[in-house]
Amino acid sequence: MSGLSAQAAPDMAAGFAPPNEPSRPIRALRAFGRFFAQKKVGGVSFVIAFIILVLGIIGPWIAPYGKDEPIRINNPTYDINSDNPDDWTQIPLLDLANPSWDHLLGTDERGRDLLTRVLHGARRSMLLGFGAAAIATIFGAILGVVSGYFGGVADLTVQRLVDSFIAFPPLLFLLLLLQTGEPSLPRTIIALSFLNIFSVSRVVRSATLAARNDVYVEAARVVGAQPPRIIFRHVLPNVFAPIIIIFSTTIGGAILAESTLAFLGLAPPGPSWGAMVNNGRQFFESKPILVAVGGSAITITVLAFNVFGDALRDVLDPRLRGV
């Protein structure tokens, strides 16, 4: 028996896992299975959000037409001598067409295919949503961890700065940032991320205040660990769950903010769900699908990311487990 133990010791020291220990991919699949079993609505929201993300990536390649391509058809009643003005054009613009096999969602007032516009708008929304959420989460987490861990004058200074920015009207602040130059996609991403940094820092600071007084953090201080090591090895891993949750919920807020700017005509040019809603308002009585397509895309996307974030919070937050 002692010989077997001595033989097994080098294997364990070399990093070999026990025979019954499942691999990391298996553990990840089991975790996903538990998440879908415990949070069915959150699992469905995750699937919807994932499909929208995939469509945002491959949408321009599977779109049946160009994003600004006007659709024209041959006029079967073409007659230059006709009394009807509609017969004078040989290849008229197929504007405000009803849904058909050739155009599953119809066309808009400029003869552009609505399905193509939705797919291109999905890429724009995913790029803006994930880009703004990532930048806001990274810088907000840094600000919140530094403020919560060090406390004192640093915490007081940072929090008063955060209070001043949060008190400013978000939409007005966003408009001021965008009016400093020509509207562009990078500028919009930076403006949306800057708008969310301070709310992210508040959440991360609260989690850091709870983690910095734990026993293992005190033990690290006693043995002489420096603050950077304590933050990266002990504090940050324990506030990582709130960071993931707020990242998922910030995506929906960024998409909604960009749609609002596009609706107001202040977003960069290009296919946008908010612009589709704005352009379809004047035809709402005759063609409500113009507003419904863009509005439904915004609603489903934002709802999916928010519900998934709430379900993720219920699973990752120890205080809410089993509730």
Protein backbone atom coordinates (compact mmCIF):
# COMPACT_ATOMS: atom_id res chain seq x y z
CA MET A 1 0.00 0.00 0.00
CA SER A 2 2.83 2.34 0.86
CA GLY A 3 4.41 1.58 -2.52
CA LEU A 4 1.20 2.56 -4.34
CA SER A 5 0.96 5.75 -2.33
CA ALA A 6 4.57 6.61 -3.12
CA GLN A 7 3.93 5.95 -6.79
CA ALA A 8 0.76 8.06 -6.82
CA ALA A 9 2.40 10.99 -5.07
CA PRO A 10 4.61 12.02 -8.04
CA ASP A 11 1.61 11.77 -10.34
CA MET A 12 -0.43 14.10 -8.13
CA ALA A 13 2.53 16.44 -7.74
CA ALA A 14 2.93 16.55 -11.51
CA GLY A 15 -0.62 17.86 -11.81
CA PHE A 16 -2.50 14.68 -12.84
CA ALA A 17 -6.15 14.80 -11.80
CA PRO A 18 -7.76 11.83 -10.01
CA PRO A 19 -9.29 9.24 -12.37
CA ASN A 20 -12.85 10.14 -11.38
CA GLU A 21 -12.38 13.89 -11.80
CA PRO A 22 -14.23 15.10 -14.95
CA SER A 23 -12.40 17.27 -17.43
CA ARG A 24 -12.93 21.01 -17.67
CA PRO A 25 -15.21 20.86 -20.78
CA ILE A 26 -17.38 18.26 -19.03
CA ARG A 27 -17.67 20.48 -15.95
CA ALA A 28 -18.58 23.44 -18.15
CA LEU A 29 -21.30 21.42 -19.90
CA ARG A 30 -22.69 20.28 -16.56
CA ALA A 31 -22.74 23.88 -15.33
CA PHE A 32 -24.70 24.91 -18.45
CA GLY A 33 -27.06 21.99 -17.88
CA ARG A 34 -27.71 23.08 -14.29
CA PHE A 35 -28.27 26.66 -15.43
CA PHE A 36 -30.88 25.61 -18.02
CA ALA A 37 -32.55 23.29 -15.48
CA GLN A 38 -32.74 25.91 -12.74
CA LYS A 39 -33.48 28.97 -14.89
CA LYS A 40 -35.58 27.90 -17.88
CA VAL A 41 -36.56 31.44 -18.84
CA GLY A 42 -32.96 32.56 -18.51
CA GLY A 43 -31.85 29.62 -20.66
CA VAL A 44 -34.32 30.54 -23.40
CA SER A 45 -33.12 34.15 -23.21
CA PHE A 46 -29.53 32.96 -23.55
CA VAL A 47 -30.42 30.98 -26.68
CA ILE A 48 -32.20 34.00 -28.22
CA ALA A 49 -29.31 36.32 -27.37
CA PHE A 50 -26.82 33.83 -28.82
CA ILE A 51 -28.83 33.54 -32.06
CA ILE A 52 -28.95 37.34 -32.39
CA LEU A 53 -25.21 37.49 -31.76
CA VAL A 54 -24.57 34.90 -34.49
CA LEU A 55 -26.85 36.80 -36.89
CA GLY A 56 -24.92 39.96 -36.10
CA ILE A 57 -21.69 38.21 -37.07
CA ILE A 58 -22.82 36.45 -40.25
CA GLY A 59 -25.77 38.68 -41.15
CA PRO A 60 -24.14 40.72 -43.93
CA TRP A 61 -23.00 37.50 -45.66
CA ILE A 62 -26.41 35.84 -45.60
CA ALA A 63 -28.40 38.98 -46.43
CA PRO A 64 -30.22 38.48 -49.74
CA TYR A 65 -29.59 42.04 -50.99
CA GLY A 66 -27.26 44.97 -50.42
CA LYS A 67 -27.95 47.07 -47.36
CA ASP A 68 -28.76 50.20 -49.44
CA GLU A 69 -29.75 48.43 -52.66
CA PRO A 70 -33.08 49.71 -54.08
CA ILE A 71 -35.24 46.93 -55.44
CA ARG A 72 -36.74 47.51 -58.89
CA ILE A 73 -39.08 45.38 -60.98
CA ASN A 74 -40.30 45.40 -64.56
CA ASN A 75 -43.60 47.23 -64.97
CA PRO A 76 -46.04 44.86 -66.76
CA THR A 77 -48.34 47.80 -67.61
CA TYR A 78 -45.61 50.04 -68.99
CA ASP A 79 -47.06 52.46 -71.54
CA ILE A 80 -45.66 55.88 -72.20
CA ASN A 81 -48.97 56.96 -73.74
CA SER A 82 -51.08 55.82 -70.80
CA ASP A 83 -53.18 58.24 -68.78
CA ASN A 84 -52.01 56.57 -65.56
CA PRO A 85 -48.71 58.05 -64.27
CA ASP A 86 -47.83 54.70 -62.71
CA ASP A 87 -47.50 53.20 -66.19
CA TRP A 88 -44.93 55.70 -67.40
CA THR A 89 -41.94 54.08 -65.63
CA GLN A 90 -40.55 50.94 -67.22
CA ILE A 91 -38.63 49.71 -64.14
CA PRO A 92 -40.33 51.28 -61.09
CA LEU A 93 -39.05 51.17 -57.52
CA LEU A 94 -40.55 48.41 -55.39
CA ASP A 95 -41.28 50.60 -52.40
CA LEU A 96 -43.54 49.70 -49.44
CA ALA A 97 -44.02 46.17 -50.77
CA ASN A 98 -45.86 43.61 -48.66
CA PRO A 99 -43.99 40.53 -47.36
CA SER A 100 -43.47 37.87 -50.03
CA TRP A 101 -41.18 34.96 -50.82
CA ASP A 102 -38.72 37.31 -52.49
CA HIS A 103 -38.88 39.82 -49.63
CA LEU A 104 -39.84 38.04 -46.42
CA LEU A 105 -40.42 41.27 -44.49
CA GLY A 106 -41.29 43.50 -47.43
CA THR A 107 -39.50 46.69 -48.48
CA ASP A 108 -39.29 50.18 -47.02
CA GLU A 109 -40.15 53.57 -48.53
CA ARG A 110 -36.89 53.57 -50.52
CA GLY A 111 -37.37 50.07 -51.93
CA ARG A 112 -34.77 48.46 -49.66
CA ASP A 113 -35.28 44.93 -48.38
CA LEU A 114 -36.30 45.02 -44.71
CA LEU A 115 -34.79 41.62 -43.86
CA THR A 116 -31.44 42.80 -45.18
CA ARG A 117 -31.68 45.98 -43.13
CA VAL A 118 -32.52 44.00 -40.00
CA LEU A 119 -29.51 41.69 -40.45
CA HIS A 120 -27.13 44.61 -41.01
CA GLY A 121 -28.70 46.39 -38.04
CA ALA A 122 -28.03 43.30 -35.90
CA ARG A 123 -24.29 43.55 -36.61
CA ARG A 124 -24.30 47.24 -35.72
CA SER A 125 -26.23 46.65 -32.49
CA MET A 126 -23.99 43.75 -31.41
CA LEU A 127 -20.83 45.70 -32.16
CA LEU A 128 -22.03 48.76 -30.28
CA GLY A 129 -23.55 46.77 -27.42
CA PHE A 130 -20.61 44.46 -26.76
CA GLY A 131 -17.99 47.15 -27.45
CA ALA A 132 -19.57 49.72 -25.13
CA ALA A 133 -20.30 47.11 -22.43
CA ALA A 134 -16.74 45.74 -22.53
CA ILE A 135 -15.09 49.17 -22.23
CA ALA A 136 -17.51 50.31 -19.51
CA THR A 137 -17.08 47.09 -17.53
CA ILE A 138 -13.27 47.09 -17.69
CA PHE A 139 -12.77 50.72 -16.67
CA GLY A 140 -15.70 50.68 -14.24
CA ALA A 141 -14.30 47.57 -12.55
CA ILE A 142 -10.87 49.17 -12.19
CA LEU A 143 -12.42 52.32 -10.73
CA GLY A 144 -14.67 50.37 -8.36
CA VAL A 145 -11.96 48.00 -7.10
CA VAL A 146 -9.49 50.82 -6.45
CA SER A 147 -12.13 52.93 -4.72
CA GLY A 148 -13.50 50.10 -2.60
CA TYR A 149 -10.20 48.52 -1.60
CA PHE A 150 -8.13 51.56 -0.66
CA GLY A 151 -10.97 53.63 0.83
CA GLY A 152 -10.20 56.87 2.62
CA VAL A 153 -9.40 59.92 0.52
CA ALA A 154 -9.23 57.87 -2.70
CA ASP A 155 -12.70 56.45 -2.13
CA LEU A 156 -14.13 59.84 -1.20
CA THR A 157 -12.66 61.54 -4.26
CA VAL A 158 -13.75 58.83 -6.69
CA GLN A 159 -17.27 58.59 -5.29
CA ARG A 160 -17.88 62.33 -5.44
CA LEU A 161 -16.72 62.23 -9.07
CA VAL A 162 -19.08 59.31 -9.72
CA ASP A 163 -21.97 61.15 -8.04
CA SER A 164 -21.45 64.23 -10.19
CA PHE A 165 -21.52 62.22 -13.43
CA ILE A 166 -24.49 60.06 -12.42
CA ALA A 167 -26.48 63.18 -11.47
CA PHE A 168 -26.07 64.59 -14.99
CA PRO A 169 -28.96 63.66 -17.36
CA PRO A 170 -27.70 60.63 -19.34
CA LEU A 171 -29.26 61.52 -22.70
CA LEU A 172 -28.07 65.14 -22.54
CA PHE A 173 -24.59 63.99 -21.54
CA LEU A 174 -24.56 61.51 -24.43
CA LEU A 175 -25.63 64.18 -26.91
CA LEU A 176 -22.88 66.51 -25.71
CA LEU A 177 -20.25 63.82 -26.18
CA LEU A 178 -21.45 63.02 -29.69
CA GLN A 179 -21.63 66.66 -30.76
CA THR A 180 -17.89 67.15 -30.24
CA GLY A 181 -17.28 65.82 -33.76
CA GLU A 182 -18.78 63.99 -36.69
CA PRO A 183 -20.90 60.96 -35.69
CA SER A 184 -18.98 57.74 -36.19
CA LEU A 185 -19.13 54.19 -34.89
CA PRO A 186 -16.01 54.41 -32.66
CA ARG A 187 -17.15 57.75 -31.25
CA THR A 188 -20.58 56.31 -30.43
CA ILE A 189 -19.04 53.27 -28.73
CA ILE A 190 -16.79 55.49 -26.60
CA ALA A 191 -19.73 57.77 -25.69
CA LEU A 192 -21.97 54.84 -24.70
CA SER A 193 -19.20 53.21 -22.67
CA PHE A 194 -18.35 56.45 -20.88
CA LEU A 195 -22.00 56.78 -19.92
CA ASN A 196 -21.97 53.37 -18.15
CA ILE A 197 -18.54 53.41 -16.48
CA PHE A 198 -19.74 55.12 -13.31
CA SER A 199 -22.77 52.90 -12.71
CA VAL A 200 -20.52 49.84 -13.17
CA SER A 201 -18.01 51.24 -10.68
CA ARG A 202 -20.74 51.61 -8.05
CA VAL A 203 -21.67 47.92 -8.25
CA VAL A 204 -18.06 46.73 -8.24
CA ARG A 205 -17.20 49.02 -5.33
CA SER A 206 -19.98 47.51 -3.22
CA ALA A 207 -18.71 44.00 -3.92
CA THR A 208 -15.14 45.07 -3.18
CA LEU A 209 -16.12 46.58 0.19
CA ALA A 210 -17.58 43.20 1.18
CA ALA A 211 -14.58 41.22 -0.07
CA ARG A 212 -11.74 43.34 1.35
CA ASN A 213 -12.67 42.49 4.98
CA ASP A 214 -12.82 38.72 4.49
CA VAL A 215 -10.53 36.48 6.51
CA TYR A 216 -8.37 35.40 3.58
CA VAL A 217 -7.69 39.03 2.64
CA GLU A 218 -6.69 39.83 6.22
CA ALA A 219 -4.43 36.77 6.23
CA ALA A 220 -2.74 37.95 3.04
CA ARG A 221 -2.07 41.33 4.63
CA VAL A 222 -0.60 39.68 7.73
CA VAL A 223 1.91 37.64 5.72
CA GLY A 224 3.07 40.83 3.98
CA ALA A 225 1.31 40.62 0.60
CA GLN A 226 1.29 43.90 -1.31
CA PRO A 227 -2.01 45.55 -2.36
CA PRO A 228 -1.63 44.72 -6.10
CA ARG A 229 -1.17 41.03 -5.28
CA ILE A 230 -4.11 41.04 -2.86
CA ILE A 231 -6.34 42.74 -5.43
CA PHE A 232 -5.49 40.40 -8.32
CA ARG A 233 -5.22 37.15 -6.33
CA HIS A 234 -7.99 37.54 -3.72
CA VAL A 235 -10.33 40.50 -4.25
CA LEU A 236 -10.83 40.51 -8.03
CA PRO A 237 -11.68 36.78 -8.36
CA ASN A 238 -14.35 37.18 -5.68
CA VAL A 239 -16.02 40.16 -7.37
CA PHE A 240 -15.81 38.59 -10.82
CA ALA A 241 -19.39 37.27 -10.68
CA PRO A 242 -20.95 40.76 -10.31
CA ILE A 243 -18.69 41.98 -13.10
CA ILE A 244 -19.99 39.27 -15.48
CA ILE A 245 -23.59 40.03 -14.50
CA ILE A 246 -23.31 43.77 -15.03
CA PHE A 247 -21.54 43.19 -18.35
CA SER A 248 -24.49 41.15 -19.66
CA THR A 249 -27.06 43.73 -18.54
CA THR A 250 -25.04 46.69 -19.86
CA ILE A 251 -25.20 45.23 -23.38
CA GLY A 252 -28.97 45.68 -23.51
CA GLY A 253 -28.76 49.22 -22.17
CA ALA A 254 -26.13 50.19 -24.75
CA ILE A 255 -28.24 48.77 -27.60
CA LEU A 256 -31.28 50.69 -26.36
CA ALA A 257 -29.28 53.93 -26.06
CA GLU A 258 -27.93 53.56 -29.61
CA SER A 259 -31.44 52.90 -30.92
CA THR A 260 -32.61 56.08 -29.20
CA LEU A 261 -29.85 58.09 -30.87
CA ALA A 262 -30.69 56.55 -34.25
CA PHE A 263 -34.37 57.35 -33.74
CA LEU A 264 -33.43 60.98 -33.08
CA GLY A 265 -31.20 61.02 -36.17
CA LEU A 266 -27.98 61.52 -34.18
CA ALA A 267 -26.36 58.12 -34.76
CA PRO A 268 -23.74 57.39 -37.45
CA PRO A 269 -25.15 56.66 -40.92
CA GLY A 270 -25.98 53.07 -41.74
CA PRO A 271 -28.66 50.44 -41.08
CA SER A 272 -30.01 50.79 -37.55
CA TRP A 273 -33.09 49.41 -35.84
CA GLY A 274 -33.85 52.79 -34.26
CA ALA A 275 -33.63 54.53 -37.63
CA MET A 276 -36.01 51.93 -39.10
CA VAL A 277 -38.59 52.83 -36.44
CA ASN A 278 -38.14 56.55 -37.13
CA ASN A 279 -38.42 56.16 -40.91
CA GLY A 280 -41.54 54.03 -40.63
CA ARG A 281 -43.50 56.45 -38.44
CA GLN A 282 -44.96 58.40 -41.36
CA PHE A 283 -46.30 55.17 -42.88
CA PHE A 284 -47.54 53.66 -39.62
CA GLU A 285 -51.22 53.68 -40.58
CA SER A 286 -50.74 52.07 -43.98
CA LYS A 287 -47.60 49.96 -43.32
CA PRO A 288 -47.22 49.29 -39.58
CA ILE A 289 -44.72 46.52 -40.34
CA LEU A 290 -42.06 49.19 -41.00
CA VAL A 291 -42.19 50.19 -37.33
CA ALA A 292 -42.91 46.70 -36.03
CA VAL A 293 -39.79 45.14 -37.58
CA GLY A 294 -37.30 47.54 -36.03
CA GLY A 295 -39.21 47.86 -32.75
CA SER A 296 -39.51 44.09 -32.35
CA ALA A 297 -35.79 43.60 -33.01
CA ILE A 298 -34.91 46.15 -30.30
CA THR A 299 -37.41 44.73 -27.80
CA ILE A 300 -36.46 41.08 -28.24
CA THR A 301 -32.72 41.78 -28.11
CA VAL A 302 -32.78 44.02 -25.04
CA LEU A 303 -35.22 41.74 -23.23
CA ALA A 304 -33.14 38.64 -23.97
CA PHE A 305 -29.90 40.14 -22.63
CA ASN A 306 -31.58 41.63 -19.55
CA VAL A 307 -33.44 38.44 -18.60
CA PHE A 308 -30.29 36.38 -19.14
CA GLY A 309 -28.35 38.80 -16.92
CA ASP A 310 -30.99 38.50 -14.17
CA ALA A 311 -30.88 34.71 -14.35
CA LEU A 312 -27.10 34.78 -14.26
CA ARG A 313 -27.24 36.96 -11.15
CA ASP A 314 -29.58 34.50 -9.42
CA VAL A 315 -27.17 31.65 -10.14
CA LEU A 316 -23.86 33.38 -9.36
CA ASP A 317 -24.91 35.44 -6.35
CA PRO A 318 -24.58 33.22 -3.22
CA ARG A 319 -27.24 35.26 -1.41
CA LEU A 320 -29.87 34.39 -4.05
CA ARG A 321 -29.12 30.70 -4.53
CA GLY A 322 -32.09 28.54 -3.73
CA VAL A 323 -34.50 31.48 -3.66
